[in-house]
Amino acid sequence: MSVTEINATEQYVTFKLGDACFAVEVSRAREILDFREVTRVPQTPNFMLGVINLRGNVVPVIDMRLKLGMPATERTIDTCIIVMEIRIDGEVLIVGALADSVQEVSEFQSDMIEPPPRIGSRLNTQYLKGMCNVDDQFVIILDIDRIFSAEELSLVQTVGEAALAS
């Protein structure tokens, strides 16, 4: 068997935002928490809900629906926070991502993943790694490191440090 015949398989945590199904690499998801109250931090973007205390560490929480341009939704029993590692400029930041629900851990072979669609210039596909069709439903695979700009992540880090200092 040659190297080109090897079909790599990766694991992804799949989660729902509205009717859409998204996924991030399981290696980037540290843990999944039930929804808990978030302490709002003034003068932050609308997608930044605030911070939570996670075993003595301040973790900023981002509403993924708002960040991806989707409408906000009411919290349900399934609403959860996915604690993720985001890498930018060689630094790892821990961020909580609010999701409507977590589905499961799925394995996708590399040949199952299609490149992001090119649908004109209005759709920002820079934060997509690809899409996968699973049981007649598309799963949108996110490049979690590209969803936030360096400025946004700097703000998230600053807010977390300020909350920790107070």
Protein backbone atom coordinates (compact mmCIF):
# COMPACT_ATOMS: atom_id res chain seq x y z
CA MET A 1 0.00 0.00 0.00
CA SER A 2 1.41 3.38 -0.95
CA VAL A 3 1.20 6.53 1.15
CA THR A 4 -1.34 8.01 -1.26
CA GLU A 5 -3.70 5.10 -0.62
CA ILE A 6 -3.87 5.77 3.10
CA ASN A 7 -7.11 7.51 3.97
CA ALA A 8 -6.71 9.41 7.25
CA THR A 9 -9.56 9.42 9.73
CA GLU A 10 -10.08 12.26 12.20
CA GLN A 11 -12.50 12.61 15.07
CA TYR A 12 -14.77 15.65 15.41
CA VAL A 13 -17.19 16.89 18.05
CA THR A 14 -20.43 17.73 16.27
CA PHE A 15 -22.83 20.33 17.61
CA LYS A 16 -25.97 22.17 16.55
CA LEU A 17 -26.55 25.86 16.03
CA GLY A 18 -30.17 26.14 14.97
CA ASP A 19 -30.84 23.57 12.27
CA ALA A 20 -27.21 23.55 11.12
CA CYS A 21 -24.68 20.96 12.27
CA PHE A 22 -21.08 22.05 12.87
CA ALA A 23 -17.93 20.21 13.90
CA VAL A 24 -14.52 20.93 15.41
CA GLU A 25 -11.59 18.58 15.85
CA VAL A 26 -12.02 16.57 19.02
CA SER A 27 -8.41 17.35 19.97
CA ARG A 28 -9.39 21.04 20.26
CA ALA A 29 -12.39 20.44 22.56
CA ARG A 30 -11.24 20.16 26.16
CA GLU A 31 -14.63 19.49 27.71
CA ILE A 32 -18.36 20.06 27.40
CA LEU A 33 -20.21 21.84 30.19
CA ASP A 34 -23.88 22.21 30.94
CA PHE A 35 -24.93 25.82 30.48
CA ARG A 36 -24.17 27.99 33.48
CA GLU A 37 -24.64 31.64 34.17
CA VAL A 38 -22.08 33.86 32.50
CA THR A 39 -20.77 37.06 34.09
CA ARG A 40 -21.26 39.82 31.52
CA VAL A 41 -18.26 42.05 30.85
CA PRO A 42 -19.02 45.64 29.76
CA GLN A 43 -17.81 47.09 26.46
CA THR A 44 -17.32 43.77 24.68
CA PRO A 45 -18.73 42.70 21.29
CA ASN A 46 -22.26 41.27 21.30
CA PHE A 47 -20.97 37.76 20.53
CA MET A 48 -18.91 37.73 23.73
CA LEU A 49 -21.32 36.71 26.46
CA GLY A 50 -18.86 37.20 29.30
CA VAL A 51 -16.78 34.89 31.48
CA ILE A 52 -17.21 31.80 33.64
CA ASN A 53 -15.09 30.43 36.46
CA LEU A 54 -13.81 26.98 35.50
CA ARG A 55 -11.96 25.43 38.43
CA GLY A 56 -10.38 28.76 39.37
CA ASN A 57 -9.66 29.85 35.79
CA VAL A 58 -11.50 32.62 34.01
CA VAL A 59 -12.81 31.40 30.64
CA PRO A 60 -14.38 33.83 28.16
CA VAL A 61 -17.62 32.52 26.61
CA ILE A 62 -18.52 33.26 23.00
CA ASP A 63 -22.01 32.82 21.54
CA MET A 64 -21.20 30.91 18.35
CA ARG A 65 -24.58 31.76 16.81
CA LEU A 66 -23.92 35.49 17.07
CA LYS A 67 -20.31 35.16 15.96
CA LEU A 68 -21.38 33.28 12.82
CA GLY A 69 -24.09 35.85 12.00
CA MET A 70 -27.02 33.72 13.11
CA PRO A 71 -29.90 34.97 15.27
CA ALA A 72 -29.71 34.50 19.03
CA THR A 73 -31.84 31.79 20.54
CA GLU A 74 -33.40 30.97 23.86
CA ARG A 75 -31.45 28.69 26.18
CA THR A 76 -32.79 25.15 26.51
CA ILE A 77 -31.90 22.11 28.57
CA ASP A 78 -29.54 21.08 25.75
CA THR A 79 -27.65 24.39 25.59
CA CYS A 80 -24.02 23.81 26.49
CA ILE A 81 -20.56 25.34 26.52
CA ILE A 82 -17.79 23.60 24.59
CA VAL A 83 -14.45 24.56 26.14
CA MET A 84 -11.97 24.79 23.26
CA GLU A 85 -8.33 25.54 22.60
CA ILE A 86 -7.80 28.25 20.01
CA ARG A 87 -4.33 28.86 18.62
CA ILE A 88 -3.21 32.21 17.31
CA ASP A 89 0.30 33.50 16.75
CA GLY A 90 1.75 30.46 18.53
CA GLU A 91 -0.33 31.07 21.65
CA VAL A 92 -3.13 28.86 22.99
CA LEU A 93 -6.24 30.53 24.39
CA ILE A 94 -9.03 28.70 26.19
CA VAL A 95 -12.50 29.84 25.13
CA GLY A 96 -15.99 28.56 25.87
CA ALA A 97 -18.23 28.29 22.80
CA LEU A 98 -21.97 28.37 23.44
CA ALA A 99 -23.83 25.79 21.34
CA ASP A 100 -27.50 24.78 21.13
CA SER A 101 -26.55 21.14 21.73
CA VAL A 102 -23.70 18.68 21.32
CA GLN A 103 -24.50 15.75 19.06
CA GLU A 104 -21.66 13.22 19.24
CA VAL A 105 -18.06 12.48 18.40
CA SER A 106 -17.89 11.46 14.75
CA GLU A 107 -15.12 10.05 12.62
CA PHE A 108 -14.70 11.47 9.13
CA GLN A 109 -12.28 10.06 6.61
CA SER A 110 -10.37 12.71 4.70
CA ASP A 111 -11.99 11.68 1.40
CA MET A 112 -15.45 12.38 2.91
CA ILE A 113 -14.60 16.05 3.47
CA GLU A 114 -15.30 18.41 0.57
CA PRO A 115 -13.77 21.88 0.32
CA PRO A 116 -15.96 24.81 1.39
CA PRO A 117 -18.36 25.93 -1.33
CA ARG A 118 -17.64 29.08 -3.30
CA ILE A 119 -20.97 30.89 -3.30
CA GLY A 120 -20.17 34.39 -4.42
CA SER A 121 -18.36 36.92 -2.28
CA ARG A 122 -21.00 37.37 0.43
CA LEU A 123 -20.34 34.05 2.18
CA ASN A 124 -17.19 34.15 4.30
CA THR A 125 -15.69 30.67 3.95
CA GLN A 126 -12.28 31.45 5.43
CA TYR A 127 -13.25 29.86 8.74
CA LEU A 128 -14.46 26.62 7.14
CA LYS A 129 -12.21 23.59 6.76
CA GLY A 130 -14.80 21.81 4.71
CA MET A 131 -18.15 20.06 4.64
CA CYS A 132 -19.12 16.46 5.06
CA ASN A 133 -22.38 14.78 4.05
CA VAL A 134 -23.47 12.39 6.79
CA ASP A 135 -26.83 10.60 6.52
CA ASP A 136 -28.11 13.24 4.06
CA GLN A 137 -27.19 16.10 6.40
CA PHE A 138 -24.27 18.44 5.85
CA VAL A 139 -21.80 18.89 8.69
CA ILE A 140 -19.84 22.15 8.48
CA ILE A 141 -16.30 21.64 9.74
CA LEU A 142 -14.96 24.81 11.35
CA ASP A 143 -11.38 26.02 11.40
CA ILE A 144 -11.70 27.27 14.95
CA ASP A 145 -8.41 29.22 14.76
CA ARG A 146 -9.76 31.38 11.93
CA ILE A 147 -13.18 32.24 13.32
CA PHE A 148 -11.76 35.01 15.47
CA SER A 149 -9.45 37.79 14.34
CA ALA A 150 -6.24 38.48 16.27
CA GLU A 151 -7.89 41.65 17.63
CA GLU A 152 -10.94 39.74 18.88
CA LEU A 153 -8.80 37.11 20.56
CA SER A 154 -6.65 39.82 22.10
CA LEU A 155 -9.83 41.35 23.52
CA VAL A 156 -10.97 37.95 24.82
CA GLN A 157 -7.60 37.42 26.51
CA THR A 158 -7.59 40.94 27.99
CA VAL A 159 -11.11 40.49 29.36
CA GLY A 160 -10.14 37.15 30.89
CA GLU A 161 -7.04 38.64 32.53
CA ALA A 162 -9.00 41.64 33.83
CA ALA A 163 -11.68 39.37 35.31
CA LEU A 164 -9.00 37.23 36.95
CA ALA A 165 -7.35 40.31 38.50
CA SER A 166 -10.61 41.57 40.06
